[in-house]
C-alpha cells in the first residue's frame, strides 16, 4: 500500500474535526471497542437521508474484522 504523507495529514485533520464536532460518536466507538468488537458480533449501520430514504447494512464480525478494528484503534496484539 502506497501511503501519501499529505493524505495522512488530511485524514488526521478530518479526524480531529470529527472528534470536536461529534464527541458522542467517538465515545460510542470506544464503547463498542471495549465491549462488543468480538468474533461473531454483528455490526449494523443505518443511514437516513434528508428526504427520508433509509439504507441499512450489517456484517458479522470475523477474526480478520476484529484484527482490522484493532489496527484502526491502534491496539496491540
PDB file of N, CA and C in Angstrom:
ATOM      1  N   UNK A   1       0.837  -1.173   0.000  1.00  0.00           N
ATOM      2  CA  UNK A   1       0.000   0.000   0.000  1.00  0.00           C
ATOM      3  C   UNK A   1       0.884   1.239   0.000  1.00  0.00           C
ATOM      4  N   UNK A   2       0.603   2.153  -0.883  1.00  0.00           N
ATOM      5  CA  UNK A   2       1.390   3.364  -1.011  1.00  0.00           C
ATOM      6  C   UNK A   2       0.754   4.456  -0.151  1.00  0.00           C
ATOM      7  N   UNK A   3       1.481   4.967   0.835  1.00  0.00           N
ATOM      8  CA  UNK A   3       0.941   5.976   1.741  1.00  0.00           C
ATOM      9  C   UNK A   3       1.464   7.357   1.363  1.00  0.00           C
ATOM     10  N   UNK A   4       0.551   8.249   1.084  1.00  0.00           N
ATOM     11  CA  UNK A   4       0.873   9.625   0.771  1.00  0.00           C
ATOM     12  C   UNK A   4       0.871  10.416   2.080  1.00  0.00           C
ATOM     13  N   UNK A   5       2.005  10.993   2.478  1.00  0.00           N
ATOM     14  CA  UNK A   5       2.057  11.736   3.744  1.00  0.00           C
ATOM     15  C   UNK A   5       1.038  12.868   3.818  1.00  0.00           C
ATOM     16  N   UNK A   6       0.777  13.549   2.721  1.00  0.00           N
ATOM     17  CA  UNK A   6      -0.210  14.625   2.723  1.00  0.00           C
ATOM     18  C   UNK A   6      -1.613  14.080   2.958  1.00  0.00           C
ATOM     19  N   UNK A   7      -1.918  12.928   2.370  1.00  0.00           N
ATOM     20  CA  UNK A   7      -3.230  12.318   2.577  1.00  0.00           C
ATOM     21  C   UNK A   7      -3.392  11.908   4.036  1.00  0.00           C
ATOM     22  N   UNK A   8      -2.327  11.404   4.657  1.00  0.00           N
ATOM     23  CA  UNK A   8      -2.392  11.034   6.068  1.00  0.00           C
ATOM     24  C   UNK A   8      -2.603  12.266   6.942  1.00  0.00           C
ATOM     25  N   UNK A   9      -1.966  13.378   6.589  1.00  0.00           N
ATOM     26  CA  UNK A   9      -2.153  14.619   7.335  1.00  0.00           C
ATOM     27  C   UNK A   9      -3.593  15.110   7.199  1.00  0.00           C
ATOM     28  N   UNK A  10      -4.146  15.041   5.995  1.00  0.00           N
ATOM     29  CA  UNK A  10      -5.535  15.438   5.784  1.00  0.00           C
ATOM     30  C   UNK A  10      -6.484  14.537   6.569  1.00  0.00           C
ATOM     31  N   UNK A  11      -6.195  13.242   6.608  1.00  0.00           N
ATOM     32  CA  UNK A  11      -7.015  12.306   7.371  1.00  0.00           C
ATOM     33  C   UNK A  11      -6.993  12.666   8.852  1.00  0.00           C
ATOM     34  N   UNK A  12      -5.820  13.000   9.379  1.00  0.00           N
ATOM     35  CA  UNK A  12      -5.710  13.391  10.784  1.00  0.00           C
ATOM     36  C   UNK A  12      -6.514  14.661  11.053  1.00  0.00           C
ATOM     37  N   UNK A  13      -6.434  15.629  10.152  1.00  0.00           N
ATOM     38  CA  UNK A  13      -7.197  16.865  10.318  1.00  0.00           C
ATOM     39  C   UNK A  13      -8.691  16.594  10.323  1.00  0.00           C
ATOM     40  N   UNK A  14      -9.148  15.726   9.423  1.00  0.00           N
ATOM     41  CA  UNK A  14     -10.570  15.374   9.358  1.00  0.00           C
ATOM     42  C   UNK A  14     -11.001  14.653  10.629  1.00  0.00           C
ATOM     43  N   UNK A  15     -10.152  13.766  11.113  1.00  0.00           N
ATOM     44  CA  UNK A  15     -10.453  13.028  12.337  1.00  0.00           C
ATOM     45  C   UNK A  15     -10.542  13.978  13.526  1.00  0.00           C
ATOM     46  N   UNK A  16      -9.638  14.946  13.597  1.00  0.00           N
ATOM     47  CA  UNK A  16      -9.682  15.937  14.675  1.00  0.00           C
ATOM     48  C   UNK A  16     -10.984  16.735  14.627  1.00  0.00           C
ATOM     49  N   UNK A  17     -11.420  17.110  13.432  1.00  0.00           N
ATOM     50  CA  UNK A  17     -12.686  17.827  13.270  1.00  0.00           C
ATOM     51  C   UNK A  17     -13.854  16.951  13.706  1.00  0.00           C
ATOM     52  N   UNK A  18     -13.837  15.686  13.313  1.00  0.00           N
ATOM     53  CA  UNK A  18     -14.883  14.743  13.717  1.00  0.00           C
ATOM     54  C   UNK A  18     -14.945  14.646  15.235  1.00  0.00           C
ATOM     55  N   UNK A  19     -13.792  14.559  15.869  1.00  0.00           N
ATOM     56  CA  UNK A  19     -13.728  14.446  17.332  1.00  0.00           C
ATOM     57  C   UNK A  19     -14.359  15.673  18.000  1.00  0.00           C
ATOM     58  N   UNK A  20     -14.129  16.857  17.451  1.00  0.00           N
ATOM     59  CA  UNK A  20     -14.670  18.092  18.026  1.00  0.00           C
ATOM     60  C   UNK A  20     -16.178  18.209  17.777  1.00  0.00           C
ATOM     61  N   UNK A  21     -16.602  17.922  16.550  1.00  0.00           N
ATOM     62  CA  UNK A  21     -17.999  18.121  16.172  1.00  0.00           C
ATOM     63  C   UNK A  21     -18.934  17.014  16.644  1.00  0.00           C
ATOM     64  N   UNK A  22     -18.409  15.796  16.870  1.00  0.00           N
ATOM     65  CA  UNK A  22     -19.257  14.655  17.213  1.00  0.00           C
ATOM     66  C   UNK A  22     -18.643  13.823  18.340  1.00  0.00           C
ATOM     67  N   UNK A  23     -18.469  14.392  19.527  1.00  0.00           N
ATOM     68  CA  UNK A  23     -17.814  13.648  20.616  1.00  0.00           C
ATOM     69  C   UNK A  23     -18.576  12.400  21.046  1.00  0.00           C
ATOM     70  N   UNK A  24     -19.897  12.389  20.927  1.00  0.00           N
ATOM     71  CA  UNK A  24     -20.667  11.202  21.310  1.00  0.00           C
ATOM     72  C   UNK A  24     -20.378  10.024  20.386  1.00  0.00           C
ATOM     73  N   UNK A  25     -20.104  10.315  19.116  1.00  0.00           N
ATOM     74  CA  UNK A  25     -19.801   9.237  18.172  1.00  0.00           C
ATOM     75  C   UNK A  25     -18.511   8.529  18.570  1.00  0.00           C
ATOM     76  N   UNK A  26     -17.506   9.292  18.937  1.00  0.00           N
ATOM     77  CA  UNK A  26     -16.242   8.682  19.338  1.00  0.00           C
ATOM     78  C   UNK A  26     -16.387   7.928  20.656  1.00  0.00           C
ATOM     79  N   UNK A  27     -17.227   8.437  21.559  1.00  0.00           N
ATOM     80  CA  UNK A  27     -17.496   7.700  22.801  1.00  0.00           C
ATOM     81  C   UNK A  27     -18.170   6.370  22.482  1.00  0.00           C
ATOM     82  N   UNK A  28     -19.062   6.378  21.510  1.00  0.00           N
ATOM     83  CA  UNK A  28     -19.715   5.144  21.067  1.00  0.00           C
ATOM     84  C   UNK A  28     -18.688   4.162  20.502  1.00  0.00           C
ATOM     85  N   UNK A  29     -17.779   4.651  19.664  1.00  0.00           N
ATOM     86  CA  UNK A  29     -16.751   3.774  19.100  1.00  0.00           C
ATOM     87  C   UNK A  29     -15.877   3.166  20.195  1.00  0.00           C
ATOM     88  N   UNK A  30     -15.539   3.968  21.213  1.00  0.00           N
ATOM     89  CA  UNK A  30     -14.760   3.430  22.337  1.00  0.00           C
ATOM     90  C   UNK A  30     -15.544   2.350  23.075  1.00  0.00           C
ATOM     91  N   UNK A  31     -16.835   2.576  23.274  1.00  0.00           N
ATOM     92  CA  UNK A  31     -17.666   1.607  23.999  1.00  0.00           C
ATOM     93  C   UNK A  31     -17.754   0.286  23.239  1.00  0.00           C
ATOM     94  N   UNK A  32     -17.947   0.342  21.926  1.00  0.00           N
ATOM     95  CA  UNK A  32     -18.034  -0.932  21.203  1.00  0.00           C
ATOM     96  C   UNK A  32     -16.676  -1.607  21.130  1.00  0.00           C
ATOM     97  N   UNK A  33     -15.622  -0.811  21.044  1.00  0.00           N
ATOM     98  CA  UNK A  33     -14.281  -1.402  21.018  1.00  0.00           C
ATOM     99  C   UNK A  33     -14.039  -2.189  22.296  1.00  0.00           C
ATOM    100  N   UNK A  34     -14.436  -1.628  23.414  1.00  0.00           N
ATOM    101  CA  UNK A  34     -14.174  -2.261  24.708  1.00  0.00           C
ATOM    102  C   UNK A  34     -15.140  -3.389  25.019  1.00  0.00           C
ATOM    103  N   UNK A  35     -16.354  -3.355  24.471  1.00  0.00           N
ATOM    104  CA  UNK A  35     -17.382  -4.285  24.902  1.00  0.00           C
ATOM    105  C   UNK A  35     -17.983  -5.167  23.823  1.00  0.00           C
ATOM    106  N   UNK A  36     -17.838  -4.813  22.553  1.00  0.00           N
ATOM    107  CA  UNK A  36     -18.612  -5.525  21.541  1.00  0.00           C
ATOM    108  C   UNK A  36     -17.828  -6.003  20.321  1.00  0.00           C
ATOM    109  N   UNK A  37     -16.602  -5.558  20.143  1.00  0.00           N
ATOM    110  CA  UNK A  37     -15.857  -5.981  18.963  1.00  0.00           C
ATOM    111  C   UNK A  37     -15.242  -7.339  19.247  1.00  0.00           C
ATOM    112  N   UNK A  38     -15.968  -8.354  18.836  1.00  0.00           N
ATOM    113  CA  UNK A  38     -15.527  -9.730  19.031  1.00  0.00           C
ATOM    114  C   UNK A  38     -16.024 -10.568  17.854  1.00  0.00           C
ATOM    115  N   UNK A  39     -15.329 -11.634  17.589  1.00  0.00           N
ATOM    116  CA  UNK A  39     -15.759 -12.530  16.523  1.00  0.00           C
ATOM    117  C   UNK A  39     -17.182 -12.990  16.815  1.00  0.00           C
ATOM    118  N   UNK A  40     -18.051 -12.907  15.810  1.00  0.00           N
ATOM    119  CA  UNK A  40     -19.447 -13.292  15.960  1.00  0.00           C
ATOM    120  C   UNK A  40     -20.388 -12.130  16.249  1.00  0.00           C
ATOM    121  N   UNK A  41     -19.851 -10.985  16.698  1.00  0.00           N
ATOM    122  CA  UNK A  41     -20.693  -9.800  16.907  1.00  0.00           C
ATOM    123  C   UNK A  41     -21.211  -9.314  15.556  1.00  0.00           C
ATOM    124  N   UNK A  42     -22.383  -8.701  15.554  1.00  0.00           N
ATOM    125  CA  UNK A  42     -22.952  -8.142  14.329  1.00  0.00           C
ATOM    126  C   UNK A  42     -22.915  -6.623  14.428  1.00  0.00           C
ATOM    127  N   UNK A  43     -22.268  -5.987  13.456  1.00  0.00           N
ATOM    128  CA  UNK A  43     -22.254  -4.529  13.360  1.00  0.00           C
ATOM    129  C   UNK A  43     -23.271  -4.130  12.301  1.00  0.00           C
ATOM    130  N   UNK A  44     -24.164  -3.222  12.671  1.00  0.00           N
ATOM    131  CA  UNK A  44     -25.192  -2.768  11.741  1.00  0.00           C
ATOM    132  C   UNK A  44     -25.120  -1.266  11.615  1.00  0.00           C
ATOM    133  N   UNK A  45     -25.292  -0.778  10.397  1.00  0.00           N
ATOM    134  CA  UNK A  45     -25.271   0.662  10.157  1.00  0.00           C
ATOM    135  C   UNK A  45     -26.541   1.036   9.407  1.00  0.00           C
ATOM    136  N   UNK A  46     -27.142   2.127   9.852  1.00  0.00           N
ATOM    137  CA  UNK A  46     -28.343   2.658   9.199  1.00  0.00           C
ATOM    138  C   UNK A  46     -28.090   4.122   8.882  1.00  0.00           C
ATOM    139  N   UNK A  47     -28.371   4.511   7.646  1.00  0.00           N
ATOM    140  CA  UNK A  47     -28.246   5.902   7.222  1.00  0.00           C
ATOM    141  C   UNK A  47     -29.617   6.357   6.734  1.00  0.00           C
ATOM    142  N   UNK A  48     -30.072   7.480   7.273  1.00  0.00           N
ATOM    143  CA  UNK A  48     -31.328   8.087   6.838  1.00  0.00           C
ATOM    144  C   UNK A  48     -30.991   9.410   6.162  1.00  0.00           C
ATOM    145  N   UNK A  49     -31.365   9.542   4.913  1.00  0.00           N
ATOM    146  CA  UNK A  49     -31.072  10.757   4.156  1.00  0.00           C
ATOM    147  C   UNK A  49     -32.068  11.853   4.531  1.00  0.00           C
ATOM    148  N   UNK A  50     -31.768  13.110   4.174  1.00  0.00           N
ATOM    149  CA  UNK A  50     -32.704  14.199   4.481  1.00  0.00           C
ATOM    150  C   UNK A  50     -34.106  13.981   3.902  1.00  0.00           C
ATOM    151  N   UNK A  51     -34.208  13.242   2.791  1.00  0.00           N
ATOM    152  CA  UNK A  51     -35.538  13.003   2.206  1.00  0.00           C
ATOM    153  C   UNK A  51     -36.244  11.786   2.807  1.00  0.00           C
ATOM    154  N   UNK A  52     -35.616  11.149   3.800  1.00  0.00           N
ATOM    155  CA  UNK A  52     -36.251  10.032   4.490  1.00  0.00           C
ATOM    156  C   UNK A  52     -35.882   8.649   3.970  1.00  0.00           C
ATOM    157  N   UNK A  53     -35.094   8.571   2.916  1.00  0.00           N
ATOM    158  CA  UNK A  53     -34.651   7.262   2.426  1.00  0.00           C
ATOM    159  C   UNK A  53     -33.738   6.617   3.466  1.00  0.00           C
ATOM    160  N   UNK A  54     -33.832   5.293   3.598  1.00  0.00           N
ATOM    161  CA  UNK A  54     -33.004   4.590   4.570  1.00  0.00           C
ATOM    162  C   UNK A  54     -32.151   3.528   3.877  1.00  0.00           C
ATOM    163  N   UNK A  55     -30.932   3.417   4.340  1.00  0.00           N
ATOM    164  CA  UNK A  55     -30.004   2.397   3.872  1.00  0.00           C
ATOM    165  C   UNK A  55     -29.490   1.679   5.112  1.00  0.00           C
ATOM    166  N   UNK A  56     -29.618   0.352   5.116  1.00  0.00           N
ATOM    167  CA  UNK A  56     -29.206  -0.438   6.274  1.00  0.00           C
ATOM    168  C   UNK A  56     -28.348  -1.601   5.780  1.00  0.00           C
ATOM    169  N   UNK A  57     -27.262  -1.846   6.496  1.00  0.00           N
ATOM    170  CA  UNK A  57     -26.399  -2.977   6.178  1.00  0.00           C
ATOM    171  C   UNK A  57     -25.786  -3.488   7.469  1.00  0.00           C
ATOM    172  N   UNK A  58     -25.366  -4.746   7.457  1.00  0.00           N
ATOM    173  CA  UNK A  58     -24.689  -5.281   8.634  1.00  0.00           C
ATOM    174  C   UNK A  58     -23.659  -6.321   8.218  1.00  0.00           C
ATOM    175  N   UNK A  59     -22.731  -6.571   9.128  1.00  0.00           N
ATOM    176  CA  UNK A  59     -21.749  -7.633   8.925  1.00  0.00           C
ATOM    177  C   UNK A  59     -21.580  -8.396  10.234  1.00  0.00           C
ATOM    178  N   UNK A  60     -21.357  -9.671  10.121  1.00  0.00           N
ATOM    179  CA  UNK A  60     -20.996 -10.484  11.286  1.00  0.00           C
ATOM    180  C   UNK A  60     -19.472 -10.476  11.353  1.00  0.00           C
ATOM    181  N   UNK A  61     -18.942 -10.041  12.469  1.00  0.00           N
ATOM    182  CA  UNK A  61     -17.501  -9.874  12.629  1.00  0.00           C
ATOM    183  C   UNK A  61     -16.778 -11.219  12.565  1.00  0.00           C
ATOM    184  N   UNK A  62     -15.744 -11.256  11.734  1.00  0.00           N
ATOM    185  CA  UNK A  62     -14.857 -12.418  11.670  1.00  0.00           C
ATOM    186  C   UNK A  62     -13.579 -12.067  12.438  1.00  0.00           C
ATOM    187  N   UNK A  63     -12.719 -13.029  12.616  1.00  0.00           N
ATOM    188  CA  UNK A  63     -11.444 -12.762  13.278  1.00  0.00           C
ATOM    189  C   UNK A  63     -10.647 -11.710  12.500  1.00  0.00           C
ATOM    190  N   UNK A  64     -10.692 -11.761  11.170  1.00  0.00           N
ATOM    191  CA  UNK A  64     -10.000 -10.752  10.355  1.00  0.00           C
ATOM    192  C   UNK A  64     -10.560  -9.357  10.607  1.00  0.00           C
ATOM    193  N   UNK A  65     -11.884  -9.240  10.763  1.00  0.00           N
ATOM    194  CA  UNK A  65     -12.506  -7.953  11.053  1.00  0.00           C
ATOM    195  C   UNK A  65     -12.052  -7.420  12.411  1.00  0.00           C
ATOM    196  N   UNK A  66     -11.987  -8.312  13.400  1.00  0.00           N
ATOM    197  CA  UNK A  66     -11.542  -7.922  14.742  1.00  0.00           C
ATOM    198  C   UNK A  66     -10.119  -7.397  14.681  1.00  0.00           C
ATOM    199  N   UNK A  67      -9.256  -8.086  13.949  1.00  0.00           N
ATOM    200  CA  UNK A  67      -7.867  -7.650  13.811  1.00  0.00           C
ATOM    201  C   UNK A  67      -7.790  -6.289  13.114  1.00  0.00           C
ATOM    202  N   UNK A  68      -8.628  -6.072  12.102  1.00  0.00           N
ATOM    203  CA  UNK A  68      -8.645  -4.784  11.407  1.00  0.00           C
ATOM    204  C   UNK A  68      -9.090  -3.668  12.354  1.00  0.00           C
ATOM    205  N   UNK A  69     -10.077  -3.942  13.194  1.00  0.00           N
ATOM    206  CA  UNK A  69     -10.541  -2.951  14.160  1.00  0.00           C
ATOM    207  C   UNK A  69      -9.436  -2.622  15.160  1.00  0.00           C
ATOM    208  N   UNK A  70      -8.669  -3.633  15.569  1.00  0.00           N
ATOM    209  CA  UNK A  70      -7.552  -3.390  16.485  1.00  0.00           C
ATOM    210  C   UNK A  70      -6.538  -2.454  15.845  1.00  0.00           C
ATOM    211  N   UNK A  71      -6.252  -2.673  14.575  1.00  0.00           N
ATOM    212  CA  UNK A  71      -5.334  -1.781  13.863  1.00  0.00           C
ATOM    213  C   UNK A  71      -5.913  -0.372  13.760  1.00  0.00           C
ATOM    214  N   UNK A  72      -7.191  -0.281  13.460  1.00  0.00           N
ATOM    215  CA  UNK A  72      -7.843   1.011  13.332  1.00  0.00           C
ATOM    216  C   UNK A  72      -7.796   1.790  14.637  1.00  0.00           C
ATOM    217  N   UNK A  73      -7.985   1.092  15.752  1.00  0.00           N
ATOM    218  CA  UNK A  73      -7.998   1.744  17.057  1.00  0.00           C
ATOM    219  C   UNK A  73      -6.604   1.819  17.676  1.00  0.00           C
ATOM    220  N   UNK A  74      -5.597   1.306  16.986  1.00  0.00           N
ATOM    221  CA  UNK A  74      -4.245   1.411  17.487  1.00  0.00           C
ATOM    222  C   UNK A  74      -3.932   0.473  18.643  1.00  0.00           C
ATOM    223  N   UNK A  75      -4.640  -0.639  18.721  1.00  0.00           N
ATOM    224  CA  UNK A  75      -4.371  -1.604  19.791  1.00  0.00           C
ATOM    225  C   UNK A  75      -3.316  -2.580  19.369  1.00  0.00           C
ATOM    226  N   UNK A  76      -2.563  -3.046  20.330  1.00  0.00           N
ATOM    227  CA  UNK A  76      -1.553  -4.059  20.061  1.00  0.00           C
ATOM    228  C   UNK A  76      -2.128  -5.426  20.332  1.00  0.00           C
ATOM    229  N   UNK A  77      -1.508  -6.428  19.725  1.00  0.00           N
ATOM    230  CA  UNK A  77      -1.945  -7.819  19.938  1.00  0.00           C
ATOM    231  C   UNK A  77      -1.804  -8.204  21.375  1.00  0.00           C
TER     232      UNK A  77
END
